[in-house]
N, C-alpha and C. Protein backbone atom coordinates (compact mmCIF):
# COMPACT_ATOMS: atom_id res chain seq x y z
N MET A 1 7.61 17.49 -30.41
CA MET A 1 7.51 16.13 -30.77
C MET A 1 9.25 15.51 -31.54
N ASP A 2 9.64 16.50 -31.51
CA ASP A 2 11.37 15.76 -32.39
C ASP A 2 12.26 15.46 -31.12
N SER A 3 11.89 16.42 -29.34
CA SER A 3 12.64 16.53 -28.57
C SER A 3 12.57 14.94 -27.97
N ILE A 4 10.91 14.72 -27.91
CA ILE A 4 10.52 13.86 -27.15
C ILE A 4 11.08 12.33 -27.68
N ILE A 5 11.38 12.39 -28.99
CA ILE A 5 11.43 10.72 -30.16
C ILE A 5 13.10 11.03 -29.60
N SER A 6 13.75 12.56 -30.09
CA SER A 6 15.71 12.32 -29.40
C SER A 6 15.71 11.55 -27.78
N PHE A 7 14.47 12.42 -27.05
CA PHE A 7 14.43 12.04 -25.45
C PHE A 7 14.73 10.37 -25.57
N VAL A 8 13.91 9.62 -26.53
CA VAL A 8 13.48 7.84 -26.28
C VAL A 8 14.31 7.29 -26.75
N SER A 9 15.39 8.04 -27.75
CA SER A 9 16.57 7.25 -28.83
C SER A 9 17.64 7.33 -27.90
N ASP A 10 18.24 8.12 -27.05
CA ASP A 10 19.19 8.67 -26.13
C ASP A 10 18.85 7.61 -24.68
N VAL A 11 18.33 7.38 -24.44
CA VAL A 11 18.11 6.54 -23.21
C VAL A 11 18.34 5.56 -23.77
N ASP A 12 19.33 4.14 -22.67
CA ASP A 12 19.58 3.23 -22.81
C ASP A 12 18.31 2.06 -22.32
N LEU A 13 18.50 1.30 -23.06
CA LEU A 13 17.33 0.73 -22.96
C LEU A 13 17.41 -0.61 -21.47
N SER A 14 18.49 -0.89 -21.37
CA SER A 14 18.56 -1.36 -20.06
C SER A 14 18.51 -0.44 -18.52
N VAL A 15 18.32 0.73 -18.35
CA VAL A 15 18.09 1.98 -17.51
C VAL A 15 16.82 1.42 -17.67
N LEU A 16 16.21 1.62 -18.96
CA LEU A 16 14.38 1.11 -18.67
C LEU A 16 13.24 0.34 -18.07
N LEU A 17 14.57 -0.32 -18.47
CA LEU A 17 14.29 -1.72 -18.02
C LEU A 17 14.46 -2.27 -16.47
N VAL A 18 15.21 -1.46 -16.00
CA VAL A 18 15.66 -1.80 -14.95
C VAL A 18 14.70 -0.81 -13.76
N THR A 19 14.49 0.40 -14.08
CA THR A 19 13.46 0.57 -13.33
C THR A 19 11.81 1.06 -13.42
N LEU A 20 11.50 -0.15 -14.90
CA LEU A 20 10.52 -0.60 -14.87
C LEU A 20 10.39 -2.49 -13.98
N ILE A 21 11.06 -2.24 -14.09
CA ILE A 21 11.38 -4.02 -12.57
C ILE A 21 11.28 -3.15 -11.44
N ALA A 22 11.70 -2.21 -10.70
CA ALA A 22 12.11 -2.16 -9.17
C ALA A 22 10.59 -1.23 -9.34
N SER A 23 10.60 -0.62 -9.99
CA SER A 23 8.66 0.24 -9.91
C SER A 23 7.79 -1.05 -9.68
N LEU A 24 7.72 -2.66 -10.50
CA LEU A 24 6.50 -3.02 -10.29
C LEU A 24 6.88 -4.03 -8.87
N ILE A 25 7.79 -3.89 -8.64
CA ILE A 25 8.65 -5.02 -7.37
C ILE A 25 8.01 -4.00 -6.32
N VAL A 26 7.90 -2.79 -6.13
CA VAL A 26 7.59 -2.01 -4.99
C VAL A 26 6.41 -1.70 -5.09
N ILE A 27 5.47 -1.77 -6.53
CA ILE A 27 4.02 -1.86 -6.61
C ILE A 27 3.24 -3.22 -5.49
N ILE A 28 4.20 -4.16 -6.15
CA ILE A 28 3.45 -5.14 -5.55
C ILE A 28 3.95 -5.56 -4.29
N ILE A 29 4.25 -5.34 -3.22
CA ILE A 29 5.28 -4.52 -2.29
C ILE A 29 4.03 -4.03 -1.64
N ILE A 30 3.48 -2.86 -2.33
CA ILE A 30 2.58 -1.69 -1.53
C ILE A 30 1.43 -2.55 -1.72
N THR A 31 0.63 -3.31 -2.83
CA THR A 31 -0.08 -4.63 -3.14
C THR A 31 -0.61 -5.44 -1.70
N ALA A 32 0.67 -5.72 -1.65
CA ALA A 32 0.81 -7.15 -0.71
C ALA A 32 0.16 -6.37 0.44
N LEU A 33 1.20 -5.22 1.23
CA LEU A 33 0.53 -4.75 2.17
C LEU A 33 -0.62 -4.53 2.65
N ASN A 34 -0.80 -4.09 1.36
CA ASN A 34 -2.42 -3.44 1.99
C ASN A 34 -3.30 -4.05 2.02
N THR A 35 -3.81 -5.69 1.61
CA THR A 35 -3.99 -6.43 0.79
C THR A 35 -3.84 -7.06 2.10
N TRP A 36 -2.84 -7.40 3.27
CA TRP A 36 -3.13 -8.06 4.49
C TRP A 36 -3.07 -7.46 5.99
N VAL A 37 -3.47 -5.82 5.76
CA VAL A 37 -3.99 -4.97 6.53
C VAL A 37 -5.46 -4.75 5.70
N LEU A 38 -5.59 -4.85 4.97
CA LEU A 38 -7.61 -4.71 4.78
C LEU A 38 -7.45 -6.67 5.51
N ILE A 39 -7.53 -7.52 5.45
CA ILE A 39 -7.35 -8.58 6.07
C ILE A 39 -7.35 -8.70 7.59
N ASP A 40 -5.91 -8.23 7.52
CA ASP A 40 -5.98 -7.95 9.40
C ASP A 40 -7.02 -7.41 10.09
N CYS A 41 -7.75 -5.83 9.07
CA CYS A 41 -8.48 -4.95 10.05
C CYS A 41 -10.20 -5.81 10.19
N GLY A 42 -10.33 -6.43 9.05
CA GLY A 42 -11.24 -7.18 8.87
C GLY A 42 -11.48 -8.28 9.52
N ASN A 43 -10.66 -8.94 9.86
CA ASN A 43 -10.86 -10.20 10.53
C ASN A 43 -10.35 -10.67 11.71
N LYS A 44 -9.51 -8.65 12.18
CA LYS A 44 -9.48 -9.33 13.88
C LYS A 44 -10.17 -8.04 14.44
N GLU A 45 -10.03 -6.75 13.53
CA GLU A 45 -11.28 -5.77 14.23
C GLU A 45 -12.93 -6.45 15.03
N PRO A 46 -12.90 -6.15 16.92
CA PRO A 46 -14.30 -6.91 16.58
C PRO A 46 -15.33 -5.82 16.03
N ARG A 47 -16.43 -7.48 16.17
CA ARG A 47 -17.79 -6.89 15.03
C ARG A 47 -18.19 -5.06 15.56
N GLU A 48 -18.03 -5.24 16.58
CA GLU A 48 -18.82 -4.24 17.10
C GLU A 48 -18.22 -2.94 17.05
N TRP A 49 -16.71 -2.60 17.48
CA TRP A 49 -16.78 -1.61 17.04
C TRP A 49 -17.40 -0.76 15.93
N GLU A 50 -17.36 0.62 16.36
CA GLU A 50 -17.89 0.81 14.91
C GLU A 50 -16.93 2.25 13.87
N LYS A 51 -15.57 2.14 14.40
CA LYS A 51 -14.71 2.97 13.84
C LYS A 51 -14.21 1.67 12.42
N LYS A 52 -14.81 0.30 12.78
CA LYS A 52 -14.15 -0.51 12.22
C LYS A 52 -14.16 -0.66 10.10
N ASN A 53 -15.56 -0.50 10.11
CA ASN A 53 -15.75 0.34 8.72
C ASN A 53 -15.36 1.67 8.21
N LYS A 54 -14.39 2.43 9.11
CA LYS A 54 -13.90 3.87 9.02
C LYS A 54 -12.10 3.46 8.47
N TRP A 55 -11.98 2.71 9.66
CA TRP A 55 -10.24 1.48 9.23
C TRP A 55 -10.73 1.47 7.24
N ILE A 56 -11.27 0.34 7.01
CA ILE A 56 -11.27 -0.08 6.06
C ILE A 56 -11.77 0.30 5.01
N PHE A 57 -12.30 1.91 5.23
CA PHE A 57 -12.54 2.57 4.41
C PHE A 57 -11.31 3.34 4.24
N ILE A 58 -10.55 3.56 4.44
CA ILE A 58 -9.48 4.34 5.26
C ILE A 58 -8.25 4.10 4.69
N ILE A 59 -7.85 2.66 5.36
CA ILE A 59 -7.00 1.85 4.00
C ILE A 59 -6.98 1.55 2.84
N ALA A 60 -8.24 1.30 2.17
CA ALA A 60 -8.27 0.51 0.57
C ALA A 60 -8.58 2.34 -0.23
N ALA A 61 -8.81 3.82 0.36
CA ALA A 61 -8.79 4.71 -0.64
C ALA A 61 -7.64 5.72 -0.05
N VAL A 62 -7.51 5.35 0.86
CA VAL A 62 -6.00 6.40 0.75
C VAL A 62 -4.87 5.73 0.48
N PRO A 63 -4.03 6.84 -0.05
CA PRO A 63 -2.27 6.52 -0.48
C PRO A 63 -1.55 6.23 1.39
N PHE A 64 -1.15 4.78 1.38
CA PHE A 64 -0.44 4.65 2.56
C PHE A 64 -0.97 4.81 3.66
N GLY A 65 -2.65 4.66 3.83
CA GLY A 65 -3.98 4.40 4.50
C GLY A 65 -3.82 3.32 5.84
N TRP A 66 -2.66 2.03 4.33
CA TRP A 66 -2.66 0.84 4.92
C TRP A 66 -1.19 1.37 6.65
N LEU A 67 -0.41 1.71 5.73
CA LEU A 67 0.81 3.29 6.75
C LEU A 67 -0.02 3.64 9.05
N ALA A 68 -1.00 4.44 7.90
CA ALA A 68 -1.23 4.11 9.50
C ALA A 68 -2.43 3.86 10.57
N TYR A 69 -2.67 3.05 9.79
CA TYR A 69 -3.22 1.81 10.39
C TYR A 69 -2.46 0.77 11.57
N ILE A 70 -1.42 0.34 10.75
CA ILE A 70 -0.17 0.39 11.03
C ILE A 70 0.77 0.25 12.84
N ILE A 71 0.90 1.97 12.44
CA ILE A 71 1.22 2.77 13.26
C ILE A 71 0.73 3.24 13.83
N PHE A 72 -1.05 3.44 13.60
CA PHE A 72 -2.25 3.97 14.68
C PHE A 72 -3.10 3.45 15.61
N ARG A 73 -3.92 2.67 14.63
CA ARG A 73 -4.50 1.58 15.46
C ARG A 73 -4.16 0.36 15.80
N ARG A 74 -3.70 0.16 15.17
CA ARG A 74 -2.24 -2.14 15.75
C ARG A 74 -1.43 -2.14 16.79
N PRO A 75 -1.41 -1.35 16.94
CA PRO A 75 -1.21 -1.15 18.23
C PRO A 75 -1.72 -1.81 19.57
N LYS A 76 -2.70 -0.48 18.95
CA LYS A 76 -3.71 -0.36 19.92
C LYS A 76 -4.72 -1.23 20.02
N ARG A 77 -5.05 -1.94 19.40
CA ARG A 77 -6.03 -3.17 19.08
C ARG A 77 -5.36 -4.29 19.75
N ILE A 78 -3.68 -4.51 19.91
CA ILE A 78 -3.01 -5.40 20.32
C ILE A 78 -3.12 -5.52 21.49
N LYS A 79 -3.68 -4.72 22.50
CA LYS A 79 -2.75 -3.62 23.19
C LYS A 79 -4.12 -4.27 24.46
N GLN A 80 -5.09 -3.62 23.93
CA GLN A 80 -6.17 -3.97 24.28
C GLN A 80 -7.14 -5.46 24.51
N LEU A 81 -6.98 -5.74 23.16
CA LEU A 81 -7.72 -7.37 22.55
C LEU A 81 -6.42 -8.31 22.64
N GLY A 82 -5.82 -8.00 22.18
CA GLY A 82 -4.41 -9.13 22.63
C GLY A 82 -4.49 -9.83 20.70
N LYS A 83 -4.95 -9.67 20.05
CA LYS A 83 -4.87 -10.13 19.23
C LYS A 83 -4.77 -9.03 18.15
């Protein structure tokens, strides 16, 4: 317990603040990308497309699922449907 207290007292607060702000910025960017990809998939994938629900699940549940959608599915959808 004493080692934790001494570590915290040795750390500069400005470093902690910069780390916190950078982490929050990354979290906001990833959340925005995830939301944009979910909306894109939900609105632009054909309703009769049986894998639409699978992609929505992957985007929402898998870390960086939004990136998999952007890399693997979105270019194919744009090529096939033009949207």
